[in-house]
Amino acid sequence: PGLLPEGAPLGADRPPLISDDLLLTDERVGREGLK
């Protein structure tokens, strides 16, 4: 839940929540698997 709502403006920024158990927060995640 909590992704961008239908009324979000065109080109809106990142949604506040990605999943209930995994959030990839920066580009280091791809190398270090940070959660």
Full PDB file with SEQRES, HELIX, SHEET, SSBOND, CRYST1, ORIGX, SCALE, CONECT and MASTER records, all heavy atoms in Angstrom:
SEQRES   1 A   35  PRO GLY LEU LEU PRO GLU GLY ALA PRO LEU GLY ALA ASP          
SEQRES   2 A   35  ARG PRO PRO LEU ILE SER ASP ASP LEU LEU LEU THR ASP          
SEQRES   3 A   35  GLU ARG VAL GLY ARG GLU GLY LEU LYS                          
HELIX    1 AA1 VAL A   29  GLU A   32  1                                   4    
CRYST1    1.000    1.000    1.000  90.00  90.00  90.00 P 1           1          
ORIGX1      1.000000  0.000000  0.000000        0.00000                         
ORIGX2      0.000000  1.000000  0.000000        0.00000                         
ORIGX3      0.000000  0.000000  1.000000        0.00000                         
SCALE1      1.000000  0.000000  0.000000        0.00000                         
SCALE2      0.000000  1.000000  0.000000        0.00000                         
SCALE3      0.000000  0.000000  1.000000        0.00000                         
ATOM      1  N   PRO A   1       0.825  -1.198   0.000  1.00  0.00           N  
ATOM      2  CA  PRO A   1       0.000   0.000   0.000  1.00  0.00           C  
ATOM      3  C   PRO A   1       0.861   1.250   0.000  1.00  0.00           C  
ATOM      4  O   PRO A   1       2.066   1.204   0.197  1.00  0.00           O  
ATOM      5  CB  PRO A   1      -0.778  -0.112   1.318  1.00  0.00           C  
ATOM      6  CG  PRO A   1       0.165  -0.858   2.213  1.00  0.00           C  
ATOM      7  CD  PRO A   1       0.912  -1.825   1.322  1.00  0.00           C  
ATOM      8  N   GLY A   2       0.238   2.389  -0.206  1.00  0.00           N  
ATOM      9  CA  GLY A   2       0.938   3.652  -0.011  1.00  0.00           C  
ATOM     10  C   GLY A   2       1.751   4.133  -1.176  1.00  0.00           C  
ATOM     11  O   GLY A   2       2.560   5.035  -1.039  1.00  0.00           O  
ATOM     12  N   LEU A   3       1.584   3.534  -2.377  1.00  0.00           N  
ATOM     13  CA  LEU A   3       2.289   4.061  -3.538  1.00  0.00           C  
ATOM     14  C   LEU A   3       1.602   5.335  -3.990  1.00  0.00           C  
ATOM     15  O   LEU A   3       0.629   5.784  -3.412  1.00  0.00           O  
ATOM     16  CB  LEU A   3       2.305   3.015  -4.649  1.00  0.00           C  
ATOM     17  CG  LEU A   3       3.111   1.747  -4.330  1.00  0.00           C  
ATOM     18  CD1 LEU A   3       2.955   0.751  -5.466  1.00  0.00           C  
ATOM     19  CD2 LEU A   3       4.568   2.039  -4.098  1.00  0.00           C  
ATOM     20  N   LEU A   4       2.120   5.954  -5.048  1.00  0.00           N  
ATOM     21  CA  LEU A   4       1.565   7.234  -5.491  1.00  0.00           C  
ATOM     22  C   LEU A   4       0.081   7.109  -5.781  1.00  0.00           C  
ATOM     23  O   LEU A   4      -0.342   6.185  -6.474  1.00  0.00           O  
ATOM     24  CB  LEU A   4       2.289   7.710  -6.748  1.00  0.00           C  
ATOM     25  CG  LEU A   4       3.696   8.229  -6.547  1.00  0.00           C  
ATOM     26  CD1 LEU A   4       4.272   8.623  -7.903  1.00  0.00           C  
ATOM     27  CD2 LEU A   4       3.740   9.402  -5.601  1.00  0.00           C  
ATOM     28  N   PRO A   5      -0.755   8.009  -5.280  1.00  0.00           N  
ATOM     29  CA  PRO A   5      -2.192   7.958  -5.547  1.00  0.00           C  
ATOM     30  C   PRO A   5      -2.499   8.337  -6.981  1.00  0.00           C  
ATOM     31  O   PRO A   5      -1.678   8.917  -7.686  1.00  0.00           O  
ATOM     32  CB  PRO A   5      -2.757   8.992  -4.559  1.00  0.00           C  
ATOM     33  CG  PRO A   5      -1.643   9.962  -4.370  1.00  0.00           C  
ATOM     34  CD  PRO A   5      -0.374   9.139  -4.423  1.00  0.00           C  
ATOM     35  N   GLU A   6      -3.717   8.028  -7.397  1.00  0.00           N  
ATOM     36  CA  GLU A   6      -4.128   8.325  -8.770  1.00  0.00           C  
ATOM     37  C   GLU A   6      -3.969   9.797  -9.110  1.00  0.00           C  
ATOM     38  O   GLU A   6      -3.657  10.168 -10.211  1.00  0.00           O  
ATOM     39  CB  GLU A   6      -5.592   7.916  -8.963  1.00  0.00           C  
ATOM     40  CG  GLU A   6      -5.763   6.437  -9.239  1.00  0.00           C  
ATOM     41  CD  GLU A   6      -5.215   6.045 -10.589  1.00  0.00           C  
ATOM     42  OE1 GLU A   6      -5.450   6.762 -11.573  1.00  0.00           O  
ATOM     43  OE2 GLU A   6      -4.540   5.014 -10.673  1.00  0.00           O  
ATOM     44  N   GLY A   7      -4.196  10.677  -8.135  1.00  0.00           N  
ATOM     45  CA  GLY A   7      -4.162  12.098  -8.413  1.00  0.00           C  
ATOM     46  C   GLY A   7      -2.800  12.736  -8.333  1.00  0.00           C  
ATOM     47  O   GLY A   7      -2.684  13.951  -8.387  1.00  0.00           O  
ATOM     48  N   ALA A   8      -1.755  11.939  -8.181  1.00  0.00           N  
ATOM     49  CA  ALA A   8      -0.413  12.512  -8.072  1.00  0.00           C  
ATOM     50  C   ALA A   8      -0.071  13.270  -9.348  1.00  0.00           C  
ATOM     51  O   ALA A   8      -0.469  12.883 -10.439  1.00  0.00           O  
ATOM     52  CB  ALA A   8       0.610  11.403  -7.839  1.00  0.00           C  
ATOM     53  N   PRO A   9       0.658  14.377  -9.231  1.00  0.00           N  
ATOM     54  CA  PRO A   9       0.961  15.184 -10.412  1.00  0.00           C  
ATOM     55  C   PRO A   9       1.883  14.466 -11.376  1.00  0.00           C  
ATOM     56  O   PRO A   9       2.621  13.565 -10.997  1.00  0.00           O  
ATOM     57  CB  PRO A   9       1.646  16.427  -9.812  1.00  0.00           C  
ATOM     58  CG  PRO A   9       2.193  15.960  -8.499  1.00  0.00           C  
ATOM     59  CD  PRO A   9       1.217  14.950  -8.005  1.00  0.00           C  
ATOM     60  N   LEU A  10       1.817  14.880 -12.648  1.00  0.00           N  
ATOM     61  CA  LEU A  10       2.653  14.285 -13.682  1.00  0.00           C  
ATOM     62  C   LEU A  10       4.115  14.401 -13.293  1.00  0.00           C  
ATOM     63  O   LEU A  10       4.593  15.452 -12.909  1.00  0.00           O  
ATOM     64  CB  LEU A  10       2.416  15.010 -15.018  1.00  0.00           C  
ATOM     65  CG  LEU A  10       3.016  14.382 -16.261  1.00  0.00           C  
ATOM     66  CD1 LEU A  10       2.305  13.082 -16.583  1.00  0.00           C  
ATOM     67  CD2 LEU A  10       2.893  15.339 -17.439  1.00  0.00           C  
ATOM     68  N   GLY A  11       4.838  13.251 -13.379  1.00  0.00           N  
ATOM     69  CA  GLY A  11       6.255  13.257 -13.036  1.00  0.00           C  
ATOM     70  C   GLY A  11       6.499  13.330 -11.551  1.00  0.00           C  
ATOM     71  O   GLY A  11       7.547  13.778 -11.110  1.00  0.00           O  
ATOM     72  N   ALA A  12       5.529  12.893 -10.734  1.00  0.00           N  
ATOM     73  CA  ALA A  12       5.675  12.986  -9.283  1.00  0.00           C  
ATOM     74  C   ALA A  12       6.886  12.209  -8.802  1.00  0.00           C  
ATOM     75  O   ALA A  12       7.349  11.269  -9.438  1.00  0.00           O  
ATOM     76  CB  ALA A  12       4.417  12.456  -8.608  1.00  0.00           C  
ATOM     77  N   ASP A  13       7.391  12.597  -7.647  1.00  0.00           N  
ATOM     78  CA  ASP A  13       8.596  11.996  -7.096  1.00  0.00           C  
ATOM     79  C   ASP A  13       8.297  10.607  -6.547  1.00  0.00           C  
ATOM     80  O   ASP A  13       7.165  10.124  -6.579  1.00  0.00           O  
ATOM     81  CB  ASP A  13       9.167  12.899  -5.998  1.00  0.00           C  
ATOM     82  CG  ASP A  13      10.653  12.655  -5.765  1.00  0.00           C  
ATOM     83  OD1 ASP A  13      11.195  11.722  -6.384  1.00  0.00           O  
ATOM     84  OD2 ASP A  13      11.248  13.398  -4.979  1.00  0.00           O  
ATOM     85  N   ARG A  14       9.301   9.991  -5.970  1.00  0.00           N  
ATOM     86  CA  ARG A  14       9.221   8.614  -5.524  1.00  0.00           C  
ATOM     87  C   ARG A  14       8.104   8.409  -4.511  1.00  0.00           C  
ATOM     88  O   ARG A  14       7.817   9.267  -3.695  1.00  0.00           O  
ATOM     89  CB  ARG A  14      10.537   8.178  -4.891  1.00  0.00           C  
ATOM     90  CG  ARG A  14      10.963   9.014  -3.721  1.00  0.00           C  
ATOM     91  CD  ARG A  14      12.254   8.480  -3.134  1.00  0.00           C  
ATOM     92  NE  ARG A  14      12.081   7.159  -2.606  1.00  0.00           N  
ATOM     93  CZ  ARG A  14      13.085   6.406  -2.171  1.00  0.00           C  
ATOM     94  NH1 ARG A  14      14.313   6.851  -2.251  1.00  0.00           N  
ATOM     95  NH2 ARG A  14      12.871   5.209  -1.703  1.00  0.00           N  
ATOM     96  N   PRO A  15       7.434   7.253  -4.559  1.00  0.00           N  
ATOM     97  CA  PRO A  15       6.401   6.971  -3.580  1.00  0.00           C  
ATOM     98  C   PRO A  15       6.999   6.777  -2.201  1.00  0.00           C  
ATOM     99  O   PRO A  15       8.156   6.383  -2.070  1.00  0.00           O  
ATOM    100  CB  PRO A  15       5.778   5.665  -4.096  1.00  0.00           C  
ATOM    101  CG  PRO A  15       6.813   5.049  -4.948  1.00  0.00           C  
ATOM    102  CD  PRO A  15       7.603   6.183  -5.536  1.00  0.00           C  
ATOM    103  N   PRO A  16       6.230   7.041  -1.138  1.00  0.00           N  
ATOM    104  CA  PRO A  16       6.782   6.982   0.205  1.00  0.00           C  
ATOM    105  C   PRO A  16       7.012   5.584   0.722  1.00  0.00           C  
ATOM    106  O   PRO A  16       7.793   5.385   1.633  1.00  0.00           O  
ATOM    107  CB  PRO A  16       5.709   7.698   1.039  1.00  0.00           C  
ATOM    108  CG  PRO A  16       4.445   7.494   0.273  1.00  0.00           C  
ATOM    109  CD  PRO A  16       4.850   7.513  -1.171  1.00  0.00           C  
ATOM    110  N   LEU A  17       6.350   4.584   0.143  1.00  0.00           N  
ATOM    111  CA  LEU A  17       6.459   3.226   0.665  1.00  0.00           C  
ATOM    112  C   LEU A  17       6.542   2.266  -0.496  1.00  0.00           C  
ATOM    113  O   LEU A  17       5.803   2.387  -1.466  1.00  0.00           O  
ATOM    114  CB  LEU A  17       5.230   2.898   1.527  1.00  0.00           C  
ATOM    115  CG  LEU A  17       5.169   1.502   2.147  1.00  0.00           C  
ATOM    116  CD1 LEU A  17       6.339   1.322   3.118  1.00  0.00           C  
ATOM    117  CD2 LEU A  17       3.845   1.302   2.859  1.00  0.00           C  
ATOM    118  N   ILE A  18       7.430   1.289  -0.405  1.00  0.00           N  
ATOM    119  CA  ILE A  18       7.610   0.379  -1.511  1.00  0.00           C  
ATOM    120  C   ILE A  18       7.053  -0.996  -1.195  1.00  0.00           C  
ATOM    121  O   ILE A  18       6.316  -1.562  -1.941  1.00  0.00           O  
ATOM    122  CB  ILE A  18       9.097   0.274  -1.899  1.00  0.00           C  
ATOM    123  CG1 ILE A  18       9.624   1.668  -2.201  1.00  0.00           C  
ATOM    124  CG2 ILE A  18       9.297  -0.635  -3.086  1.00  0.00           C  
ATOM    125  CD1 ILE A  18       8.784   2.446  -3.173  1.00  0.00           C  
ATOM    126  N   SER A  19       7.382  -1.567  -0.084  1.00  0.00           N  
ATOM    127  CA  SER A  19       6.792  -2.844   0.290  1.00  0.00           C  
ATOM    128  C   SER A  19       6.782  -2.951   1.800  1.00  0.00           C  
ATOM    129  O   SER A  19       7.399  -2.155   2.508  1.00  0.00           O  
ATOM    130  CB  SER A  19       7.583  -4.010  -0.316  1.00  0.00           C  
ATOM    131  OG  SER A  19       8.778  -4.210   0.396  1.00  0.00           O  
ATOM    132  N   ASP A  20       6.094  -3.945   2.298  1.00  0.00           N  
ATOM    133  CA  ASP A  20       5.984  -4.113   3.739  1.00  0.00           C  
ATOM    134  C   ASP A  20       7.240  -4.707   4.362  1.00  0.00           C  
ATOM    135  O   ASP A  20       7.405  -4.675   5.568  1.00  0.00           O  
ATOM    136  CB  ASP A  20       4.785  -4.999   4.076  1.00  0.00           C  
ATOM    137  CG  ASP A  20       3.487  -4.214   3.992  1.00  0.00           C  
ATOM    138  OD1 ASP A  20       3.530  -2.971   4.046  1.00  0.00           O  
ATOM    139  OD2 ASP A  20       2.438  -4.852   3.860  1.00  0.00           O  
ATOM    140  N   ASP A  21       8.100  -5.309   3.567  1.00  0.00           N  
ATOM    141  CA  ASP A  21       9.268  -5.958   4.177  1.00  0.00           C  
ATOM    142  C   ASP A  21      10.576  -5.670   3.461  1.00  0.00           C  
ATOM    143  O   ASP A  21      11.612  -6.169   3.856  1.00  0.00           O  
ATOM    144  CB  ASP A  21       9.059  -7.482   4.214  1.00  0.00           C  
ATOM    145  CG  ASP A  21       9.015  -8.077   2.818  1.00  0.00           C  
ATOM    146  OD1 ASP A  21       8.896  -7.317   1.853  1.00  0.00           O  
ATOM    147  OD2 ASP A  21       9.086  -9.304   2.719  1.00  0.00           O  
ATOM    148  N   LEU A  22      10.547  -4.867   2.392  1.00  0.00           N  
ATOM    149  CA  LEU A  22      11.792  -4.582   1.671  1.00  0.00           C  
ATOM    150  C   LEU A  22      11.717  -3.187   1.087  1.00  0.00           C  
ATOM    151  O   LEU A  22      10.814  -2.868   0.343  1.00  0.00           O  
ATOM    152  CB  LEU A  22      11.999  -5.596   0.538  1.00  0.00           C  
ATOM    153  CG  LEU A  22      13.202  -5.350  -0.379  1.00  0.00           C  
ATOM    154  CD1 LEU A  22      14.502  -5.416   0.405  1.00  0.00           C  
ATOM    155  CD2 LEU A  22      13.227  -6.362  -1.488  1.00  0.00           C  
ATOM    156  N   LEU A  23      12.674  -2.350   1.438  1.00  0.00           N  
ATOM    157  CA  LEU A  23      12.759  -1.009   0.868  1.00  0.00           C  
ATOM    158  C   LEU A  23      14.181  -0.809   0.391  1.00  0.00           C  
ATOM    159  O   LEU A  23      15.119  -0.915   1.167  1.00  0.00           O  
ATOM    160  CB  LEU A  23      12.397   0.061   1.904  1.00  0.00           C  
ATOM    161  CG  LEU A  23      12.469   1.502   1.415  1.00  0.00           C  
ATOM    162  CD1 LEU A  23      11.392   1.735   0.366  1.00  0.00           C  
ATOM    163  CD2 LEU A  23      12.270   2.480   2.560  1.00  0.00           C  
ATOM    164  N   LEU A  24      14.346  -0.536  -0.897  1.00  0.00           N  
ATOM    165  CA  LEU A  24      15.662  -0.304  -1.459  1.00  0.00           C  
ATOM    166  C   LEU A  24      15.876   1.196  -1.472  1.00  0.00           C  
ATOM    167  O   LEU A  24      15.227   1.914  -2.216  1.00  0.00           O  
ATOM    168  CB  LEU A  24      15.735  -0.893  -2.864  1.00  0.00           C  
ATOM    169  CG  LEU A  24      15.367  -2.380  -2.928  1.00  0.00           C  
ATOM    170  CD1 LEU A  24      15.431  -2.863  -4.350  1.00  0.00           C  
ATOM    171  CD2 LEU A  24      16.256  -3.208  -2.035  1.00  0.00           C  
ATOM    172  N   THR A  25      16.781   1.690  -0.631  1.00  0.00           N  
ATOM    173  CA  THR A  25      16.826   3.115  -0.343  1.00  0.00           C  
ATOM    174  C   THR A  25      17.863   3.897  -1.120  1.00  0.00           C  
ATOM    175  O   THR A  25      17.736   5.094  -1.259  1.00  0.00           O  
ATOM    176  CB  THR A  25      17.095   3.325   1.156  1.00  0.00           C  
ATOM    177  OG1 THR A  25      18.303   2.650   1.511  1.00  0.00           O  
ATOM    178  CG2 THR A  25      15.947   2.780   1.984  1.00  0.00           C  
ATOM    179  N   ASP A  26      18.928   3.283  -1.587  1.00  0.00           N  
ATOM    180  CA  ASP A  26      19.914   4.025  -2.362  1.00  0.00           C  
ATOM    181  C   ASP A  26      20.668   3.070  -3.258  1.00  0.00           C  
ATOM    182  O   ASP A  26      20.471   1.866  -3.225  1.00  0.00           O  
ATOM    183  CB  ASP A  26      20.881   4.804  -1.449  1.00  0.00           C  
ATOM    184  CG  ASP A  26      21.636   3.903  -0.489  1.00  0.00           C  
ATOM    185  OD1 ASP A  26      22.140   2.850  -0.940  1.00  0.00           O  
ATOM    186  OD2 ASP A  26      21.719   4.229   0.703  1.00  0.00           O  
ATOM    187  N   GLU A  27      21.526   3.624  -4.104  1.00  0.00           N  
ATOM    188  CA  GLU A  27      22.170   2.795  -5.119  1.00  0.00           C  
ATOM    189  C   GLU A  27      23.133   1.781  -4.529  1.00  0.00           C  
ATOM    190  O   GLU A  27      23.521   0.824  -5.180  1.00  0.00           O  
ATOM    191  CB  GLU A  27      22.893   3.681  -6.129  1.00  0.00           C  
ATOM    192  CG  GLU A  27      23.987   4.526  -5.532  1.00  0.00           C  
ATOM    193  CD  GLU A  27      24.550   5.485  -6.561  1.00  0.00           C  
ATOM    194  OE1 GLU A  27      23.912   5.677  -7.598  1.00  0.00           O  
ATOM    195  OE2 GLU A  27      25.623   6.029  -6.303  1.00  0.00           O  
ATOM    196  N   ARG A  28      23.496   1.923  -3.247  1.00  0.00           N  
ATOM    197  CA  ARG A  28      24.366   0.927  -2.633  1.00  0.00           C  
ATOM    198  C   ARG A  28      23.660  -0.402  -2.430  1.00  0.00           C  
ATOM    199  O   ARG A  28      24.299  -1.428  -2.248  1.00  0.00           O  
ATOM    200  CB  ARG A  28      24.873   1.437  -1.280  1.00  0.00           C  
ATOM    201  CG  ARG A  28      25.822   2.622  -1.373  1.00  0.00           C  
ATOM    202  CD  ARG A  28      26.191   3.098   0.012  1.00  0.00           C  
ATOM    203  NE  ARG A  28      25.005   3.485   0.749  1.00  0.00           N  
ATOM    204  CZ  ARG A  28      24.988   3.663   2.070  1.00  0.00           C  
ATOM    205  NH1 ARG A  28      26.067   3.467   2.770  1.00  0.00           N  
ATOM    206  NH2 ARG A  28      23.876   4.033   2.668  1.00  0.00           N  
ATOM    207  N   VAL A  29      22.328  -0.399  -2.457  1.00  0.00           N  
ATOM    208  CA  VAL A  29      21.593  -1.626  -2.227  1.00  0.00           C  
ATOM    209  C   VAL A  29      21.976  -2.688  -3.233  1.00  0.00           C  
ATOM    210  O   VAL A  29      22.098  -3.858  -2.908  1.00  0.00           O  
ATOM    211  CB  VAL A  29      20.075  -1.348  -2.299  1.00  0.00           C  
ATOM    212  CG1 VAL A  29      19.297  -2.639  -2.165  1.00  0.00           C  
ATOM    213  CG2 VAL A  29      19.675  -0.405  -1.179  1.00  0.00           C  
ATOM    214  N   GLY A  30      22.175  -2.263  -4.479  1.00  0.00           N  
ATOM    215  CA  GLY A  30      22.513  -3.231  -5.502  1.00  0.00           C  
ATOM    216  C   GLY A  30      23.812  -3.950  -5.225  1.00  0.00           C  
ATOM    217  O   GLY A  30      24.007  -5.082  -5.624  1.00  0.00           O  
ATOM    218  N   ARG A  31      24.750  -3.313  -4.506  1.00  0.00           N  
ATOM    219  CA  ARG A  31      26.032  -3.945  -4.223  1.00  0.00           C  
ATOM    220  C   ARG A  31      26.060  -4.631  -2.867  1.00  0.00           C  
ATOM    221  O   ARG A  31      26.729  -5.628  -2.671  1.00  0.00           O  
ATOM    222  CB  ARG A  31      27.137  -2.883  -4.267  1.00  0.00           C  
ATOM    223  CG  ARG A  31      27.284  -2.217  -5.620  1.00  0.00           C  
ATOM    224  CD  ARG A  31      28.495  -1.299  -5.640  1.00  0.00           C  
ATOM    225  NE  ARG A  31      28.378  -0.207  -4.690  1.00  0.00           N  
ATOM    226  CZ  ARG A  31      27.814   0.946  -4.967  1.00  0.00           C  
ATOM    227  NH1 ARG A  31      27.277   1.152  -6.146  1.00  0.00           N  
ATOM    228  NH2 ARG A  31      27.750   1.912  -4.061  1.00  0.00           N  
ATOM    229  N   GLU A  32      25.291  -4.083  -1.892  1.00  0.00           N  
ATOM    230  CA  GLU A  32      25.403  -4.573  -0.526  1.00  0.00           C  
ATOM    231  C   GLU A  32      24.146  -5.267  -0.012  1.00  0.00           C  
ATOM    232  O   GLU A  32      24.162  -5.845   1.060  1.00  0.00           O  
ATOM    233  CB  GLU A  32      25.734  -3.390   0.404  1.00  0.00           C  
ATOM    234  CG  GLU A  32      27.008  -2.666   0.011  1.00  0.00           C  
ATOM    235  CD  GLU A  32      27.219  -1.380   0.802  1.00  0.00           C  
ATOM    236  OE1 GLU A  32      26.476  -1.169   1.774  1.00  0.00           O  
ATOM    237  OE2 GLU A  32      28.101  -0.601   0.439  1.00  0.00           O  
ATOM    238  N   GLY A  33      23.053  -5.198  -0.798  1.00  0.00           N  
ATOM    239  CA  GLY A  33      21.843  -5.860  -0.380  1.00  0.00           C  
ATOM    240  C   GLY A  33      21.239  -5.282   0.883  1.00  0.00           C  
ATOM    241  O   GLY A  33      20.660  -5.999   1.693  1.00  0.00           O  
ATOM    242  N   LEU A  34      21.345  -3.963   1.111  1.00  0.00           N  
ATOM    243  CA  LEU A  34      20.824  -3.353   2.322  1.00  0.00           C  
ATOM    244  C   LEU A  34      19.317  -3.392   2.336  1.00  0.00           C  
ATOM    245  O   LEU A  34      18.660  -3.221   1.332  1.00  0.00           O  
ATOM    246  CB  LEU A  34      21.292  -1.885   2.414  1.00  0.00           C  
ATOM    247  CG  LEU A  34      22.802  -1.667   2.426  1.00  0.00           C  
ATOM    248  CD1 LEU A  34      23.092  -0.177   2.499  1.00  0.00           C  
ATOM    249  CD2 LEU A  34      23.419  -2.365   3.628  1.00  0.00           C  
ATOM    250  N   LYS A  35      18.759  -3.589   3.517  1.00  0.00           N  
ATOM    251  CA  LYS A  35      17.319  -3.572   3.683  1.00  0.00           C  
ATOM    252  C   LYS A  35      16.981  -2.588   4.791  1.00  0.00           C  
ATOM    253  O   LYS A  35      17.719  -2.437   5.753  1.00  0.00           O  
ATOM    254  CB  LYS A  35      16.780  -4.957   4.049  1.00  0.00           C  
ATOM    255  CG  LYS A  35      16.977  -6.000   2.945  1.00  0.00           C  
ATOM    256  CD  LYS A  35      16.351  -7.303   3.326  1.00  0.00           C  
ATOM    257  CE  LYS A  35      16.535  -8.334   2.221  1.00  0.00           C  
ATOM    258  NZ  LYS A  35      15.901  -9.623   2.574  1.00  0.00           N  
TER     259      LYS A  35                                                      
MASTER        0    0    0    1    0    0    0    6  258    1    0    3          
END                                                                             
